[in-house]
Amino acid sequence: MSVLAERFQARAQTPLGAYMLLQSALLSIWLANGGSVDEWSLRLAPAFRKRYGWMLA
């Protein structure tokens, strides 16, 4: 379990809520650094799911 995931799990009331908060935070950083939503969806969302999908189990 990663420290980042633990931080979001402590703030959210459900595992899905924690997963979505973390994804939203990382997406915001991605967009602020010049990335696009399309790029996130194609490249990073699958990697995010692979790394943090355990939060939903």
PDB file of N, CA and C in Angstrom:
ATOM      1  N   MET A   1       0.850  -1.176   0.000  1.00  0.00           N
ATOM      2  CA  MET A   1       0.000   0.000   0.000  1.00  0.00           C
ATOM      3  C   MET A   1       0.894   1.237   0.000  1.00  0.00           C
ATOM      4  N   SER A   2       0.563   2.186  -0.818  1.00  0.00           N
ATOM      5  CA  SER A   2       1.383   3.391  -0.912  1.00  0.00           C
ATOM      6  C   SER A   2       0.925   4.458   0.085  1.00  0.00           C
ATOM      7  N   VAL A   3       1.844   5.296   0.459  1.00  0.00           N
ATOM      8  CA  VAL A   3       1.547   6.386   1.384  1.00  0.00           C
ATOM      9  C   VAL A   3       0.513   7.323   0.770  1.00  0.00           C
ATOM     10  N   LEU A   4       0.637   7.565  -0.512  1.00  0.00           N
ATOM     11  CA  LEU A   4      -0.313   8.437  -1.203  1.00  0.00           C
ATOM     12  C   LEU A   4      -1.728   7.863  -1.118  1.00  0.00           C
ATOM     13  N   ALA A   5      -1.869   6.583  -1.376  1.00  0.00           N
ATOM     14  CA  ALA A   5      -3.186   5.942  -1.316  1.00  0.00           C
ATOM     15  C   ALA A   5      -3.736   5.975   0.108  1.00  0.00           C
ATOM     16  N   GLU A   6      -2.896   5.735   1.080  1.00  0.00           N
ATOM     17  CA  GLU A   6      -3.338   5.770   2.478  1.00  0.00           C
ATOM     18  C   GLU A   6      -3.873   7.149   2.853  1.00  0.00           C
ATOM     19  N   ARG A   7      -3.214   8.187   2.373  1.00  0.00           N
ATOM     20  CA  ARG A   7      -3.641   9.551   2.665  1.00  0.00           C
ATOM     21  C   ARG A   7      -5.057   9.799   2.131  1.00  0.00           C
ATOM     22  N   PHE A   8      -5.333   9.344   0.930  1.00  0.00           N
ATOM     23  CA  PHE A   8      -6.650   9.569   0.340  1.00  0.00           C
ATOM     24  C   PHE A   8      -7.703   8.656   0.957  1.00  0.00           C
ATOM     25  N   GLN A   9      -7.312   7.465   1.373  1.00  0.00           N
ATOM     26  CA  GLN A   9      -8.259   6.580   2.047  1.00  0.00           C
ATOM     27  C   GLN A   9      -8.694   7.161   3.383  1.00  0.00           C
ATOM     28  N   ALA A  10      -7.787   7.861   4.050  1.00  0.00           N
ATOM     29  CA  ALA A  10      -8.127   8.478   5.333  1.00  0.00           C
ATOM     30  C   ALA A  10      -9.113   9.632   5.155  1.00  0.00           C
ATOM     31  N   ARG A  11      -9.080  10.290   4.011  1.00  0.00           N
ATOM     32  CA  ARG A  11      -9.964  11.444   3.767  1.00  0.00           C
ATOM     33  C   ARG A  11     -11.329  11.046   3.227  1.00  0.00           C
ATOM     34  N   ALA A  12     -11.410   9.922   2.545  1.00  0.00           N
ATOM     35  CA  ALA A  12     -12.664   9.522   1.900  1.00  0.00           C
ATOM     36  C   ALA A  12     -13.455   8.564   2.783  1.00  0.00           C
ATOM     37  N   GLN A  13     -14.739   8.499   2.545  1.00  0.00           N
ATOM     38  CA  GLN A  13     -15.600   7.619   3.342  1.00  0.00           C
ATOM     39  C   GLN A  13     -15.728   6.227   2.741  1.00  0.00           C
ATOM     40  N   THR A  14     -15.421   6.089   1.461  1.00  0.00           N
ATOM     41  CA  THR A  14     -15.519   4.785   0.802  1.00  0.00           C
ATOM     42  C   THR A  14     -14.260   4.542  -0.030  1.00  0.00           C
ATOM     43  N   PRO A  15     -13.971   3.284  -0.344  1.00  0.00           N
ATOM     44  CA  PRO A  15     -12.829   3.001  -1.225  1.00  0.00           C
ATOM     45  C   PRO A  15     -12.976   3.668  -2.591  1.00  0.00           C
ATOM     46  N   LEU A  16     -14.182   3.679  -3.138  1.00  0.00           N
ATOM     47  CA  LEU A  16     -14.403   4.339  -4.423  1.00  0.00           C
ATOM     48  C   LEU A  16     -14.149   5.841  -4.303  1.00  0.00           C
ATOM     49  N   GLY A  17     -14.578   6.434  -3.211  1.00  0.00           N
ATOM     50  CA  GLY A  17     -14.343   7.847  -2.988  1.00  0.00           C
ATOM     51  C   GLY A  17     -12.856   8.172  -2.926  1.00  0.00           C
ATOM     52  N   ALA A  18     -12.093   7.324  -2.251  1.00  0.00           N
ATOM     53  CA  ALA A  18     -10.643   7.517  -2.158  1.00  0.00           C
ATOM     54  C   ALA A  18      -9.995   7.398  -3.531  1.00  0.00           C
ATOM     55  N   TYR A  19     -10.408   6.411  -4.292  1.00  0.00           N
ATOM     56  CA  TYR A  19      -9.883   6.185  -5.642  1.00  0.00           C
ATOM     57  C   TYR A  19     -10.159   7.399  -6.529  1.00  0.00           C
ATOM     58  N   MET A  20     -11.385   7.908  -6.464  1.00  0.00           N
ATOM     59  CA  MET A  20     -11.771   9.041  -7.298  1.00  0.00           C
ATOM     60  C   MET A  20     -11.076  10.328  -6.856  1.00  0.00           C
ATOM     61  N   LEU A  21     -10.920  10.536  -5.553  1.00  0.00           N
ATOM     62  CA  LEU A  21     -10.206  11.719  -5.071  1.00  0.00           C
ATOM     63  C   LEU A  21      -8.753  11.711  -5.534  1.00  0.00           C
ATOM     64  N   LEU A  22      -8.117  10.561  -5.429  1.00  0.00           N
ATOM     65  CA  LEU A  22      -6.726  10.445  -5.861  1.00  0.00           C
ATOM     66  C   LEU A  22      -6.606  10.675  -7.362  1.00  0.00           C
ATOM     67  N   GLN A  23      -7.482  10.045  -8.127  1.00  0.00           N
ATOM     68  CA  GLN A  23      -7.437  10.227  -9.573  1.00  0.00           C
ATOM     69  C   GLN A  23      -7.688  11.681  -9.954  1.00  0.00           C
ATOM     70  N   SER A  24      -8.624  12.321  -9.292  1.00  0.00           N
ATOM     71  CA  SER A  24      -8.915  13.726  -9.564  1.00  0.00           C
ATOM     72  C   SER A  24      -7.723  14.620  -9.246  1.00  0.00           C
ATOM     73  N   ALA A  25      -7.063  14.355  -8.131  1.00  0.00           N
ATOM     74  CA  ALA A  25      -5.890  15.147  -7.750  1.00  0.00           C
ATOM     75  C   ALA A  25      -4.766  14.993  -8.770  1.00  0.00           C
ATOM     76  N   LEU A  26      -4.501  13.760  -9.178  1.00  0.00           N
ATOM     77  CA  LEU A  26      -3.433  13.523 -10.152  1.00  0.00           C
ATOM     78  C   LEU A  26      -3.791  14.098 -11.525  1.00  0.00           C
ATOM     79  N   LEU A  27      -5.053  14.011 -11.904  1.00  0.00           N
ATOM     80  CA  LEU A  27      -5.498  14.592 -13.171  1.00  0.00           C
ATOM     81  C   LEU A  27      -5.338  16.110 -13.144  1.00  0.00           C
ATOM     82  N   SER A  28      -5.661  16.731 -12.033  1.00  0.00           N
ATOM     83  CA  SER A  28      -5.507  18.190 -11.916  1.00  0.00           C
ATOM     84  C   SER A  28      -4.050  18.605 -12.103  1.00  0.00           C
ATOM     85  N   ILE A  29      -3.149  17.862 -11.488  1.00  0.00           N
ATOM     86  CA  ILE A  29      -1.715  18.144 -11.649  1.00  0.00           C
ATOM     87  C   ILE A  29      -1.309  17.957 -13.099  1.00  0.00           C
ATOM     88  N   TRP A  30      -1.776  16.890 -13.722  1.00  0.00           N
ATOM     89  CA  TRP A  30      -1.468  16.596 -15.119  1.00  0.00           C
ATOM     90  C   TRP A  30      -1.927  17.747 -16.024  1.00  0.00           C
ATOM     91  N   LEU A  31      -3.140  18.216 -15.808  1.00  0.00           N
ATOM     92  CA  LEU A  31      -3.681  19.305 -16.630  1.00  0.00           C
ATOM     93  C   LEU A  31      -2.931  20.613 -16.376  1.00  0.00           C
ATOM     94  N   ALA A  32      -2.569  20.874 -15.140  1.00  0.00           N
ATOM     95  CA  ALA A  32      -1.834  22.100 -14.806  1.00  0.00           C
ATOM     96  C   ALA A  32      -0.450  22.128 -15.451  1.00  0.00           C
ATOM     97  N   ASN A  33       0.091  20.955 -15.722  1.00  0.00           N
ATOM     98  CA  ASN A  33       1.406  20.869 -16.356  1.00  0.00           C
ATOM     99  C   ASN A  33       1.322  20.759 -17.878  1.00  0.00           C
ATOM    100  N   GLY A  34       0.152  21.035 -18.444  1.00  0.00           N
ATOM    101  CA  GLY A  34       0.013  21.085 -19.893  1.00  0.00           C
ATOM    102  C   GLY A  34      -0.493  19.819 -20.548  1.00  0.00           C
ATOM    103  N   GLY A  35      -0.847  18.819 -19.774  1.00  0.00           N
ATOM    104  CA  GLY A  35      -1.399  17.588 -20.353  1.00  0.00           C
ATOM    105  C   GLY A  35      -2.845  17.800 -20.769  1.00  0.00           C
ATOM    106  N   SER A  36      -3.349  16.872 -21.542  1.00  0.00           N
ATOM    107  CA  SER A  36      -4.743  16.968 -21.986  1.00  0.00           C
ATOM    108  C   SER A  36      -5.553  15.807 -21.399  1.00  0.00           C
ATOM    109  N   VAL A  37      -6.870  15.993 -21.377  1.00  0.00           N
ATOM    110  CA  VAL A  37      -7.756  14.949 -20.880  1.00  0.00           C
ATOM    111  C   VAL A  37      -7.669  13.717 -21.782  1.00  0.00           C
ATOM    112  N   ASP A  38      -7.562  13.939 -23.091  1.00  0.00           N
ATOM    113  CA  ASP A  38      -7.455  12.809 -24.018  1.00  0.00           C
ATOM    114  C   ASP A  38      -6.203  11.982 -23.752  1.00  0.00           C
ATOM    115  N   GLU A  39      -5.094  12.667 -23.544  1.00  0.00           N
ATOM    116  CA  GLU A  39      -3.842  11.965 -23.238  1.00  0.00           C
ATOM    117  C   GLU A  39      -3.963  11.179 -21.942  1.00  0.00           C
ATOM    118  N   TRP A  40      -4.571  11.804 -20.940  1.00  0.00           N
ATOM    119  CA  TRP A  40      -4.762  11.124 -19.650  1.00  0.00           C
ATOM    120  C   TRP A  40      -5.570   9.849 -19.860  1.00  0.00           C
ATOM    121  N   SER A  41      -6.656   9.979 -20.611  1.00  0.00           N
ATOM    122  CA  SER A  41      -7.544   8.834 -20.821  1.00  0.00           C
ATOM    123  C   SER A  41      -6.859   7.691 -21.557  1.00  0.00           C
ATOM    124  N   LEU A  42      -6.056   8.027 -22.539  1.00  0.00           N
ATOM    125  CA  LEU A  42      -5.410   6.983 -23.342  1.00  0.00           C
ATOM    126  C   LEU A  42      -4.173   6.395 -22.697  1.00  0.00           C
ATOM    127  N   ARG A  43      -3.346   7.241 -22.068  1.00  0.00           N
ATOM    128  CA  ARG A  43      -2.056   6.787 -21.568  1.00  0.00           C
ATOM    129  C   ARG A  43      -2.012   6.535 -20.075  1.00  0.00           C
ATOM    130  N   LEU A  44      -2.526   7.471 -19.314  1.00  0.00           N
ATOM    131  CA  LEU A  44      -2.311   7.410 -17.870  1.00  0.00           C
ATOM    132  C   LEU A  44      -3.431   6.740 -17.092  1.00  0.00           C
ATOM    133  N   ALA A  45      -4.656   6.835 -17.547  1.00  0.00           N
ATOM    134  CA  ALA A  45      -5.751   6.198 -16.817  1.00  0.00           C
ATOM    135  C   ALA A  45      -5.557   4.681 -16.696  1.00  0.00           C
ATOM    136  N   PRO A  46      -5.139   3.982 -17.762  1.00  0.00           N
ATOM    137  CA  PRO A  46      -4.890   2.544 -17.596  1.00  0.00           C
ATOM    138  C   PRO A  46      -3.747   2.244 -16.611  1.00  0.00           C
ATOM    139  N   ALA A  47      -2.715   3.060 -16.615  1.00  0.00           N
ATOM    140  CA  ALA A  47      -1.608   2.874 -15.667  1.00  0.00           C
ATOM    141  C   ALA A  47      -2.075   3.171 -14.241  1.00  0.00           C
ATOM    142  N   PHE A  48      -2.918   4.187 -14.085  1.00  0.00           N
ATOM    143  CA  PHE A  48      -3.468   4.511 -12.777  1.00  0.00           C
ATOM    144  C   PHE A  48      -4.298   3.349 -12.260  1.00  0.00           C
ATOM    145  N   ARG A  49      -5.142   2.808 -13.117  1.00  0.00           N
ATOM    146  CA  ARG A  49      -5.996   1.676 -12.731  1.00  0.00           C
ATOM    147  C   ARG A  49      -5.147   0.472 -12.329  1.00  0.00           C
ATOM    148  N   LYS A  50      -4.085   0.233 -13.075  1.00  0.00           N
ATOM    149  CA  LYS A  50      -3.205  -0.906 -12.773  1.00  0.00           C
ATOM    150  C   LYS A  50      -2.518  -0.720 -11.418  1.00  0.00           C
ATOM    151  N   ARG A  51      -2.089   0.514 -11.129  1.00  0.00           N
ATOM    152  CA  ARG A  51      -1.370   0.766  -9.881  1.00  0.00           C
ATOM    153  C   ARG A  51      -2.271   0.894  -8.662  1.00  0.00           C
ATOM    154  N   TYR A  52      -3.438   1.513  -8.819  1.00  0.00           N
ATOM    155  CA  TYR A  52      -4.292   1.802  -7.684  1.00  0.00           C
ATOM    156  C   TYR A  52      -5.629   1.058  -7.709  1.00  0.00           C
ATOM    157  N   GLY A  53      -5.825   0.157  -8.631  1.00  0.00           N
ATOM    158  CA  GLY A  53      -7.067  -0.601  -8.731  1.00  0.00           C
ATOM    159  C   GLY A  53      -7.364  -1.422  -7.480  1.00  0.00           C
ATOM    160  N   TRP A  54      -6.316  -1.798  -6.760  1.00  0.00           N
ATOM    161  CA  TRP A  54      -6.507  -2.577  -5.533  1.00  0.00           C
ATOM    162  C   TRP A  54      -7.360  -1.822  -4.507  1.00  0.00           C
ATOM    163  N   MET A  55      -7.418  -0.502  -4.617  1.00  0.00           N
ATOM    164  CA  MET A  55      -8.199   0.278  -3.674  1.00  0.00           C
ATOM    165  C   MET A  55      -9.699  -0.033  -3.790  1.00  0.00           C
ATOM    166  N   LEU A  56     -10.115  -0.525  -4.930  1.00  0.00           N
ATOM    167  CA  LEU A  56     -11.520  -0.806  -5.172  1.00  0.00           C
ATOM    168  C   LEU A  56     -11.946  -2.208  -4.730  1.00  0.00           C
ATOM    169  N   ALA A  57     -10.970  -3.052  -4.455  1.00  0.00           N
ATOM    170  CA  ALA A  57     -11.278  -4.450  -4.093  1.00  0.00           C
ATOM    171  C   ALA A  57     -11.855  -4.563  -2.700  1.00  0.00           C
TER     172      ALA A  57
END
